[in-house]
Amino acid sequence: MQNMTTLIPLILMFVLFYFLLIRPQQKRQKSVRQMQSDLKKGDKIVTIGGLHGFIDSIDESKVVIKCGDGSRLTYDRNAIREVTESSKTAEV
């Protein structure tokens, strides 16, 4: 019985740790992977370095971003932080 009273707080701490830290992080990683796999030409994006631009072309691992001055920069697909406007919205 003494061992159970010592073990219960440890188990509760692990469960609390899982639901407050591990699970939300896994959800964020899943949503980022989904966003990066759904990228398409014409999407307005922001990179992890803060560069704003439009996707000019895309392949499996690289993205060519067209900047405001017309220059084209090549980035890894993983460097895209967020899509601020999808190409569907941009066309409308």
PDB file of N, CA and C in Angstrom:
ATOM      1  N   MET A   1       0.817  -1.201   0.000  1.00  0.00           N
ATOM      2  CA  MET A   1       0.000   0.000   0.000  1.00  0.00           C
ATOM      3  C   MET A   1       0.860   1.264   0.000  1.00  0.00           C
ATOM      4  N   GLN A   2       1.967   1.231   0.725  1.00  0.00           N
ATOM      5  CA  GLN A   2       2.882   2.372   0.784  1.00  0.00           C
ATOM      6  C   GLN A   2       3.461   2.674  -0.597  1.00  0.00           C
ATOM      7  N   ASN A   3       3.767   1.636  -1.366  1.00  0.00           N
ATOM      8  CA  ASN A   3       4.328   1.829  -2.706  1.00  0.00           C
ATOM      9  C   ASN A   3       3.323   2.498  -3.639  1.00  0.00           C
ATOM     10  N   MET A   4       2.053   2.177  -3.507  1.00  0.00           N
ATOM     11  CA  MET A   4       1.021   2.768  -4.359  1.00  0.00           C
ATOM     12  C   MET A   4       0.858   4.260  -4.066  1.00  0.00           C
ATOM     13  N   THR A   5       0.928   4.654  -2.818  1.00  0.00           N
ATOM     14  CA  THR A   5       0.775   6.071  -2.488  1.00  0.00           C
ATOM     15  C   THR A   5       1.965   6.885  -2.990  1.00  0.00           C
ATOM     16  N   THR A   6       3.122   6.250  -3.114  1.00  0.00           N
ATOM     17  CA  THR A   6       4.296   6.920  -3.650  1.00  0.00           C
ATOM     18  C   THR A   6       4.239   6.977  -5.177  1.00  0.00           C
ATOM     19  N   LEU A   7       3.661   5.959  -5.778  1.00  0.00           N
ATOM     20  CA  LEU A   7       3.628   5.841  -7.234  1.00  0.00           C
ATOM     21  C   LEU A   7       2.533   6.715  -7.871  1.00  0.00           C
ATOM     22  N   ILE A   8       1.421   6.919  -7.184  1.00  0.00           N
ATOM     23  CA  ILE A   8       0.289   7.665  -7.746  1.00  0.00           C
ATOM     24  C   ILE A   8       0.675   9.108  -8.107  1.00  0.00           C
ATOM     25  N   PRO A   9       1.343   9.876  -7.253  1.00  0.00           N
ATOM     26  CA  PRO A   9       1.724  11.241  -7.665  1.00  0.00           C
ATOM     27  C   PRO A   9       2.667  11.252  -8.866  1.00  0.00           C
ATOM     28  N   LEU A  10       3.547  10.271  -8.948  1.00  0.00           N
ATOM     29  CA  LEU A  10       4.456  10.190 -10.093  1.00  0.00           C
ATOM     30  C   LEU A  10       3.682   9.942 -11.388  1.00  0.00           C
ATOM     31  N   ILE A  11       2.719   9.059 -11.335  1.00  0.00           N
ATOM     32  CA  ILE A  11       1.892   8.769 -12.516  1.00  0.00           C
ATOM     33  C   ILE A  11       1.065  10.004 -12.893  1.00  0.00           C
ATOM     34  N   LEU A  12       0.497  10.678 -11.912  1.00  0.00           N
ATOM     35  CA  LEU A  12      -0.284  11.890 -12.188  1.00  0.00           C
ATOM     36  C   LEU A  12       0.584  12.981 -12.808  1.00  0.00           C
ATOM     37  N   MET A  13       1.808  13.116 -12.348  1.00  0.00           N
ATOM     38  CA  MET A  13       2.714  14.110 -12.937  1.00  0.00           C
ATOM     39  C   MET A  13       3.021  13.772 -14.387  1.00  0.00           C
ATOM     40  N   PHE A  14       3.241  12.490 -14.693  1.00  0.00           N
ATOM     41  CA  PHE A  14       3.514  12.090 -16.071  1.00  0.00           C
ATOM     42  C   PHE A  14       2.315  12.372 -16.971  1.00  0.00           C
ATOM     43  N   VAL A  15       1.113  12.041 -16.497  1.00  0.00           N
ATOM     44  CA  VAL A  15      -0.102  12.286 -17.291  1.00  0.00           C
ATOM     45  C   VAL A  15      -0.280  13.787 -17.528  1.00  0.00           C
ATOM     46  N   LEU A  16      -0.098  14.579 -16.498  1.00  0.00           N
ATOM     47  CA  LEU A  16      -0.201  16.029 -16.630  1.00  0.00           C
ATOM     48  C   LEU A  16       0.848  16.576 -17.594  1.00  0.00           C
ATOM     49  N   PHE A  17       2.071  16.091 -17.486  1.00  0.00           N
ATOM     50  CA  PHE A  17       3.158  16.488 -18.378  1.00  0.00           C
ATOM     51  C   PHE A  17       2.808  16.151 -19.822  1.00  0.00           C
ATOM     52  N   TYR A  18       2.246  14.968 -20.049  1.00  0.00           N
ATOM     53  CA  TYR A  18       1.887  14.550 -21.405  1.00  0.00           C
ATOM     54  C   TYR A  18       0.830  15.481 -22.001  1.00  0.00           C
ATOM     55  N   PHE A  19      -0.242  15.751 -21.246  1.00  0.00           N
ATOM     56  CA  PHE A  19      -1.341  16.543 -21.800  1.00  0.00           C
ATOM     57  C   PHE A  19      -1.021  18.025 -21.899  1.00  0.00           C
ATOM     58  N   LEU A  20      -0.110  18.533 -21.096  1.00  0.00           N
ATOM     59  CA  LEU A  20       0.209  19.953 -21.154  1.00  0.00           C
ATOM     60  C   LEU A  20       1.371  20.282 -22.076  1.00  0.00           C
ATOM     61  N   LEU A  21       2.305  19.354 -22.283  1.00  0.00           N
ATOM     62  CA  LEU A  21       3.493  19.662 -23.075  1.00  0.00           C
ATOM     63  C   LEU A  21       3.651  18.805 -24.325  1.00  0.00           C
ATOM     64  N   ILE A  22       3.605  17.515 -24.175  1.00  0.00           N
ATOM     65  CA  ILE A  22       3.924  16.625 -25.302  1.00  0.00           C
ATOM     66  C   ILE A  22       2.829  16.638 -26.356  1.00  0.00           C
ATOM     67  N   ARG A  23       1.586  16.465 -25.966  1.00  0.00           N
ATOM     68  CA  ARG A  23       0.493  16.372 -26.927  1.00  0.00           C
ATOM     69  C   ARG A  23       0.310  17.659 -27.743  1.00  0.00           C
ATOM     70  N   PRO A  24       0.303  18.848 -27.127  1.00  0.00           N
ATOM     71  CA  PRO A  24       0.177  20.068 -27.947  1.00  0.00           C
ATOM     72  C   PRO A  24       1.341  20.251 -28.926  1.00  0.00           C
ATOM     73  N   GLN A  25       2.555  19.882 -28.528  1.00  0.00           N
ATOM     74  CA  GLN A  25       3.704  19.992 -29.425  1.00  0.00           C
ATOM     75  C   GLN A  25       3.541  19.065 -30.623  1.00  0.00           C
ATOM     76  N   GLN A  26       3.049  17.853 -30.397  1.00  0.00           N
ATOM     77  CA  GLN A  26       2.821  16.920 -31.501  1.00  0.00           C
ATOM     78  C   GLN A  26       1.759  17.461 -32.456  1.00  0.00           C
ATOM     79  N   LYS A  27       0.723  18.089 -31.927  1.00  0.00           N
ATOM     80  CA  LYS A  27      -0.319  18.676 -32.783  1.00  0.00           C
ATOM     81  C   LYS A  27       0.251  19.804 -33.630  1.00  0.00           C
ATOM     82  N   ARG A  28       1.089  20.667 -33.022  1.00  0.00           N
ATOM     83  CA  ARG A  28       1.700  21.766 -33.781  1.00  0.00           C
ATOM     84  C   ARG A  28       2.593  21.222 -34.889  1.00  0.00           C
ATOM     85  N   GLN A  29       3.403  20.201 -34.587  1.00  0.00           N
ATOM     86  CA  GLN A  29       4.279  19.621 -35.600  1.00  0.00           C
ATOM     87  C   GLN A  29       3.469  19.017 -36.734  1.00  0.00           C
ATOM     88  N   LYS A  30       2.371  18.361 -36.413  1.00  0.00           N
ATOM     89  CA  LYS A  30       1.527  17.759 -37.438  1.00  0.00           C
ATOM     90  C   LYS A  30       0.909  18.835 -38.331  1.00  0.00           C
ATOM     91  N   SER A  31       0.453  19.937 -37.735  1.00  0.00           N
ATOM     92  CA  SER A  31      -0.159  20.998 -38.544  1.00  0.00           C
ATOM     93  C   SER A  31       0.876  21.690 -39.429  1.00  0.00           C
ATOM     94  N   VAL A  32       2.115  21.855 -38.946  1.00  0.00           N
ATOM     95  CA  VAL A  32       3.178  22.453 -39.759  1.00  0.00           C
ATOM     96  C   VAL A  32       3.525  21.535 -40.930  1.00  0.00           C
ATOM     97  N   ARG A  33       3.652  20.236 -40.670  1.00  0.00           N
ATOM     98  CA  ARG A  33       3.935  19.283 -41.760  1.00  0.00           C
ATOM     99  C   ARG A  33       2.823  19.300 -42.795  1.00  0.00           C
ATOM    100  N   GLN A  34       1.564  19.369 -42.339  1.00  0.00           N
ATOM    101  CA  GLN A  34       0.430  19.412 -43.264  1.00  0.00           C
ATOM    102  C   GLN A  34       0.463  20.683 -44.097  1.00  0.00           C
ATOM    103  N   MET A  35       0.742  21.828 -43.470  1.00  0.00           N
ATOM    104  CA  MET A  35       0.812  23.101 -44.189  1.00  0.00           C
ATOM    105  C   MET A  35       1.920  23.053 -45.233  1.00  0.00           C
ATOM    106  N   GLN A  36       3.085  22.510 -44.866  1.00  0.00           N
ATOM    107  CA  GLN A  36       4.208  22.465 -45.799  1.00  0.00           C
ATOM    108  C   GLN A  36       3.947  21.490 -46.944  1.00  0.00           C
ATOM    109  N   SER A  37       3.176  20.454 -46.714  1.00  0.00           N
ATOM    110  CA  SER A  37       2.874  19.529 -47.807  1.00  0.00           C
ATOM    111  C   SER A  37       1.774  20.077 -48.720  1.00  0.00           C
ATOM    112  N   ASP A  38       0.957  21.002 -48.223  1.00  0.00           N
ATOM    113  CA  ASP A  38      -0.134  21.581 -49.019  1.00  0.00           C
ATOM    114  C   ASP A  38       0.266  22.844 -49.769  1.00  0.00           C
ATOM    115  N   LEU A  39       1.531  23.230 -49.739  1.00  0.00           N
ATOM    116  CA  LEU A  39       1.977  24.438 -50.440  1.00  0.00           C
ATOM    117  C   LEU A  39       1.745  24.300 -51.937  1.00  0.00           C
ATOM    118  N   LYS A  40       1.359  25.398 -52.576  1.00  0.00           N
ATOM    119  CA  LYS A  40       1.179  25.381 -54.031  1.00  0.00           C
ATOM    120  C   LYS A  40       1.597  26.728 -54.618  1.00  0.00           C
ATOM    121  N   LYS A  41       1.795  26.720 -55.894  1.00  0.00           N
ATOM    122  CA  LYS A  41       2.240  27.922 -56.589  1.00  0.00           C
ATOM    123  C   LYS A  41       1.216  29.037 -56.390  1.00  0.00           C
ATOM    124  N   GLY A  42       1.720  30.234 -56.085  1.00  0.00           N
ATOM    125  CA  GLY A  42       0.861  31.390 -55.904  1.00  0.00           C
ATOM    126  C   GLY A  42       0.537  31.699 -54.448  1.00  0.00           C
ATOM    127  N   ASP A  43       0.841  30.772 -53.533  1.00  0.00           N
ATOM    128  CA  ASP A  43       0.591  31.033 -52.117  1.00  0.00           C
ATOM    129  C   ASP A  43       1.479  32.159 -51.620  1.00  0.00           C
ATOM    130  N   LYS A  44       0.913  33.049 -50.820  1.00  0.00           N
ATOM    131  CA  LYS A  44       1.699  34.096 -50.173  1.00  0.00           C
ATOM    132  C   LYS A  44       2.186  33.515 -48.854  1.00  0.00           C
ATOM    133  N   ILE A  45       3.520  33.542 -48.637  1.00  0.00           N
ATOM    134  CA  ILE A  45       4.102  32.854 -47.497  1.00  0.00           C
ATOM    135  C   ILE A  45       5.057  33.761 -46.720  1.00  0.00           C
ATOM    136  N   VAL A  46       5.426  33.273 -45.529  1.00  0.00           N
ATOM    137  CA  VAL A  46       6.452  33.893 -44.706  1.00  0.00           C
ATOM    138  C   VAL A  46       7.418  32.785 -44.310  1.00  0.00           C
ATOM    139  N   THR A  47       8.717  33.031 -44.479  1.00  0.00           N
ATOM    140  CA  THR A  47       9.714  32.030 -44.103  1.00  0.00           C
ATOM    141  C   THR A  47      10.055  32.170 -42.621  1.00  0.00           C
ATOM    142  N   ILE A  48      10.826  31.217 -42.111  1.00  0.00           N
ATOM    143  CA  ILE A  48      11.234  31.284 -40.704  1.00  0.00           C
ATOM    144  C   ILE A  48      12.176  32.444 -40.452  1.00  0.00           C
ATOM    145  N   GLY A  49      12.781  32.978 -41.502  1.00  0.00           N
ATOM    146  CA  GLY A  49      13.653  34.140 -41.376  1.00  0.00           C
ATOM    147  C   GLY A  49      12.917  35.457 -41.530  1.00  0.00           C
ATOM    148  N   GLY A  50      11.611  35.403 -41.820  1.00  0.00           N
ATOM    149  CA  GLY A  50      10.809  36.618 -41.923  1.00  0.00           C
ATOM    150  C   GLY A  50      10.633  37.149 -43.333  1.00  0.00           C
ATOM    151  N   LEU A  51      11.109  36.433 -44.353  1.00  0.00           N
ATOM    152  CA  LEU A  51      10.955  36.865 -45.742  1.00  0.00           C
ATOM    153  C   LEU A  51       9.517  36.645 -46.194  1.00  0.00           C
ATOM    154  N   HIS A  52       8.907  37.676 -46.758  1.00  0.00           N
ATOM    155  CA  HIS A  52       7.551  37.579 -47.300  1.00  0.00           C
ATOM    156  C   HIS A  52       7.648  37.481 -48.812  1.00  0.00           C
ATOM    157  N   GLY A  53       6.816  36.633 -49.414  1.00  0.00           N
ATOM    158  CA  GLY A  53       6.825  36.513 -50.858  1.00  0.00           C
ATOM    159  C   GLY A  53       5.767  35.540 -51.341  1.00  0.00           C
ATOM    160  N   PHE A  54       5.809  35.265 -52.634  1.00  0.00           N
ATOM    161  CA  PHE A  54       4.880  34.338 -53.266  1.00  0.00           C
ATOM    162  C   PHE A  54       5.653  33.140 -53.783  1.00  0.00           C
ATOM    163  N   ILE A  55       5.038  31.964 -53.734  1.00  0.00           N
ATOM    164  CA  ILE A  55       5.683  30.774 -54.275  1.00  0.00           C
ATOM    165  C   ILE A  55       5.620  30.850 -55.789  1.00  0.00           C
ATOM    166  N   ASP A  56       6.795  30.824 -56.418  1.00  0.00           N
ATOM    167  CA  ASP A  56       6.888  30.887 -57.875  1.00  0.00           C
ATOM    168  C   ASP A  56       6.927  29.484 -58.471  1.00  0.00           C
ATOM    169  N   SER A  57       7.663  28.582 -57.822  1.00  0.00           N
ATOM    170  CA  SER A  57       7.669  27.178 -58.234  1.00  0.00           C
ATOM    171  C   SER A  57       8.007  26.333 -57.019  1.00  0.00           C
ATOM    172  N   ILE A  58       7.668  25.058 -57.125  1.00  0.00           N
ATOM    173  CA  ILE A  58       7.825  24.175 -55.967  1.00  0.00           C
ATOM    174  C   ILE A  58       8.113  22.760 -56.455  1.00  0.00           C
ATOM    175  N   ASP A  59       8.979  22.048 -55.729  1.00  0.00           N
ATOM    176  CA  ASP A  59       9.186  20.625 -55.986  1.00  0.00           C
ATOM    177  C   ASP A  59       9.215  19.900 -54.643  1.00  0.00           C
ATOM    178  N   GLU A  60       9.724  18.678 -54.606  1.00  0.00           N
ATOM    179  CA  GLU A  60       9.670  17.871 -53.389  1.00  0.00           C
ATOM    180  C   GLU A  60      10.353  18.521 -52.191  1.00  0.00           C
ATOM    181  N   SER A  61      11.516  19.138 -52.394  1.00  0.00           N
ATOM    182  CA  SER A  61      12.266  19.656 -51.249  1.00  0.00           C
ATOM    183  C   SER A  61      12.572  21.145 -51.323  1.00  0.00           C
ATOM    184  N   LYS A  62      12.398  21.764 -52.467  1.00  0.00           N
ATOM    185  CA  LYS A  62      12.765  23.177 -52.648  1.00  0.00           C
ATOM    186  C   LYS A  62      11.555  23.999 -53.068  1.00  0.00           C
ATOM    187  N   VAL A  63      11.611  25.275 -52.688  1.00  0.00           N
ATOM    188  CA  VAL A  63      10.578  26.240 -53.059  1.00  0.00           C
ATOM    189  C   VAL A  63      11.281  27.479 -53.595  1.00  0.00           C
ATOM    190  N   VAL A  64      10.831  27.970 -54.740  1.00  0.00           N
ATOM    191  CA  VAL A  64      11.364  29.227 -55.278  1.00  0.00           C
ATOM    192  C   VAL A  64      10.354  30.310 -54.926  1.00  0.00           C
ATOM    193  N   ILE A  65      10.835  31.331 -54.199  1.00  0.00           N
ATOM    194  CA  ILE A  65       9.967  32.398 -53.705  1.00  0.00           C
ATOM    195  C   ILE A  65      10.246  33.663 -54.494  1.00  0.00           C
ATOM    196  N   LYS A  66       9.176  34.281 -54.992  1.00  0.00           N
ATOM    197  CA  LYS A  66       9.291  35.548 -55.710  1.00  0.00           C
ATOM    198  C   LYS A  66       9.049  36.664 -54.705  1.00  0.00           C
ATOM    199  N   CYS A  67      10.028  37.543 -54.579  1.00  0.00           N
ATOM    200  CA  CYS A  67       9.957  38.645 -53.618  1.00  0.00           C
ATOM    201  C   CYS A  67       9.320  39.870 -54.264  1.00  0.00           C
ATOM    202  N   GLY A  68       9.129  40.902 -53.477  1.00  0.00           N
ATOM    203  CA  GLY A  68       8.474  42.125 -53.939  1.00  0.00           C
ATOM    204  C   GLY A  68       9.226  42.835 -55.040  1.00  0.00           C
ATOM    205  N   ASP A  69      10.552  42.734 -55.058  1.00  0.00           N
ATOM    206  CA  ASP A  69      11.326  43.415 -56.094  1.00  0.00           C
ATOM    207  C   ASP A  69      11.508  42.562 -57.346  1.00  0.00           C
ATOM    208  N   GLY A  70      10.872  41.401 -57.384  1.00  0.00           N
ATOM    209  CA  GLY A  70      10.941  40.541 -58.556  1.00  0.00           C
ATOM    210  C   GLY A  70      12.031  39.494 -58.498  1.00  0.00           C
ATOM    211  N   SER A  71      12.877  39.545 -57.484  1.00  0.00           N
ATOM    212  CA  SER A  71      13.934  38.533 -57.381  1.00  0.00           C
ATOM    213  C   SER A  71      13.337  37.202 -56.947  1.00  0.00           C
ATOM    214  N   ARG A  72      14.009  36.130 -57.337  1.00  0.00           N
ATOM    215  CA  ARG A  72      13.560  34.780 -56.999  1.00  0.00           C
ATOM    216  C   ARG A  72      14.619  34.129 -56.118  1.00  0.00           C
ATOM    217  N   LEU A  73      14.186  33.624 -54.980  1.00  0.00           N
ATOM    218  CA  LEU A  73      15.088  33.001 -54.020  1.00  0.00           C
ATOM    219  C   LEU A  73      14.665  31.560 -53.804  1.00  0.00           C
ATOM    220  N   THR A  74      15.643  30.655 -53.691  1.00  0.00           N
ATOM    221  CA  THR A  74      15.355  29.247 -53.470  1.00  0.00           C
ATOM    222  C   THR A  74      15.536  28.912 -51.996  1.00  0.00           C
ATOM    223  N   TYR A  75      14.531  28.287 -51.428  1.00  0.00           N
ATOM    224  CA  TYR A  75      14.534  27.889 -50.025  1.00  0.00           C
ATOM    225  C   TYR A  75      14.158  26.418 -49.911  1.00  0.00           C
ATOM    226  N   ASP A  76      14.554  25.801 -48.812  1.00  0.00           N
ATOM    227  CA  ASP A  76      14.042  24.474 -48.491  1.00  0.00           C
ATOM    228  C   ASP A  76      12.575  24.604 -48.132  1.00  0.00           C
ATOM    229  N   ARG A  77      11.818  23.575 -48.420  1.00  0.00           N
ATOM    230  CA  ARG A  77      10.392  23.589 -48.104  1.00  0.00           C
ATOM    231  C   ARG A  77      10.167  23.736 -46.595  1.00  0.00           C
ATOM    232  N   ASN A  78      11.089  23.192 -45.805  1.00  0.00           N
ATOM    233  CA  ASN A  78      10.966  23.259 -44.344  1.00  0.00           C
ATOM    234  C   ASN A  78      11.160  24.664 -43.802  1.00  0.00           C
ATOM    235  N   ALA A  79      11.650  25.600 -44.606  1.00  0.00           N
ATOM    236  CA  ALA A  79      11.885  26.967 -44.148  1.00  0.00           C
ATOM    237  C   ALA A  79      10.626  27.821 -44.191  1.00  0.00           C
ATOM    238  N   ILE A  80       9.513  27.280 -44.668  1.00  0.00           N
ATOM    239  CA  ILE A  80       8.264  28.029 -44.728  1.00  0.00           C
ATOM    240  C   ILE A  80       7.592  27.961 -43.361  1.00  0.00           C
ATOM    241  N   ARG A  81       7.362  29.130 -42.757  1.00  0.00           N
ATOM    242  CA  ARG A  81       6.741  29.180 -41.432  1.00  0.00           C
ATOM    243  C   ARG A  81       5.222  29.185 -41.513  1.00  0.00           C
ATOM    244  N   GLU A  82       4.674  29.984 -42.437  1.00  0.00           N
ATOM    245  CA  GLU A  82       3.220  30.063 -42.530  1.00  0.00           C
ATOM    246  C   GLU A  82       2.779  30.531 -43.906  1.00  0.00           C
ATOM    247  N   VAL A  83       1.563  30.180 -44.247  1.00  0.00           N
ATOM    248  CA  VAL A  83       0.922  30.659 -45.469  1.00  0.00           C
ATOM    249  C   VAL A  83      -0.024  31.768 -45.037  1.00  0.00           C
ATOM    250  N   THR A  84       0.229  32.987 -45.501  1.00  0.00           N
ATOM    251  CA  THR A  84      -0.620  34.108 -45.101  1.00  0.00           C
ATOM    252  C   THR A  84      -1.839  34.257 -46.003  1.00  0.00           C
ATOM    253  N   GLU A  85      -1.711  33.782 -47.239  1.00  0.00           N
ATOM    254  CA  GLU A  85      -2.827  33.853 -48.175  1.00  0.00           C
ATOM    255  C   GLU A  85      -2.648  32.735 -49.186  1.00  0.00           C
ATOM    256  N   SER A  86      -3.654  31.855 -49.287  1.00  0.00           N
ATOM    257  CA  SER A  86      -3.527  30.755 -50.241  1.00  0.00           C
ATOM    258  C   SER A  86      -3.790  31.253 -51.658  1.00  0.00           C
ATOM    259  N   SER A  87      -3.375  30.461 -52.627  1.00  0.00           N
ATOM    260  CA  SER A  87      -3.545  30.887 -54.029  1.00  0.00           C
ATOM    261  C   SER A  87      -4.999  30.974 -54.413  1.00  0.00           C
ATOM    262  N   LYS A  88      -5.873  30.208 -53.785  1.00  0.00           N
ATOM    263  CA  LYS A  88      -7.322  30.299 -54.068  1.00  0.00           C
ATOM    264  C   LYS A  88      -7.836  31.683 -53.669  1.00  0.00           C
ATOM    265  N   THR A  89      -7.428  32.137 -52.478  1.00  0.00           N
ATOM    266  CA  THR A  89      -7.861  33.450 -51.998  1.00  0.00           C
ATOM    267  C   THR A  89      -7.241  34.561 -52.834  1.00  0.00           C
ATOM    268  N   ALA A  90      -6.002  34.379 -53.269  1.00  0.00           N
ATOM    269  CA  ALA A  90      -5.300  35.406 -54.040  1.00  0.00           C
ATOM    270  C   ALA A  90      -5.937  35.610 -55.402  1.00  0.00           C
ATOM    271  N   GLU A  91      -6.517  34.535 -55.971  1.00  0.00           N
ATOM    272  CA  GLU A  91      -7.109  34.630 -57.304  1.00  0.00           C
ATOM    273  C   GLU A  91      -8.456  35.334 -57.278  1.00  0.00           C
ATOM    274  N   VAL A  92      -9.159  35.290 -56.165  1.00  0.00           N
ATOM    275  CA  VAL A  92     -10.512  35.853 -56.072  1.00  0.00           C
ATOM    276  C   VAL A  92     -10.510  37.328 -55.952  1.00  0.00           C
TER     277      VAL A  92
END
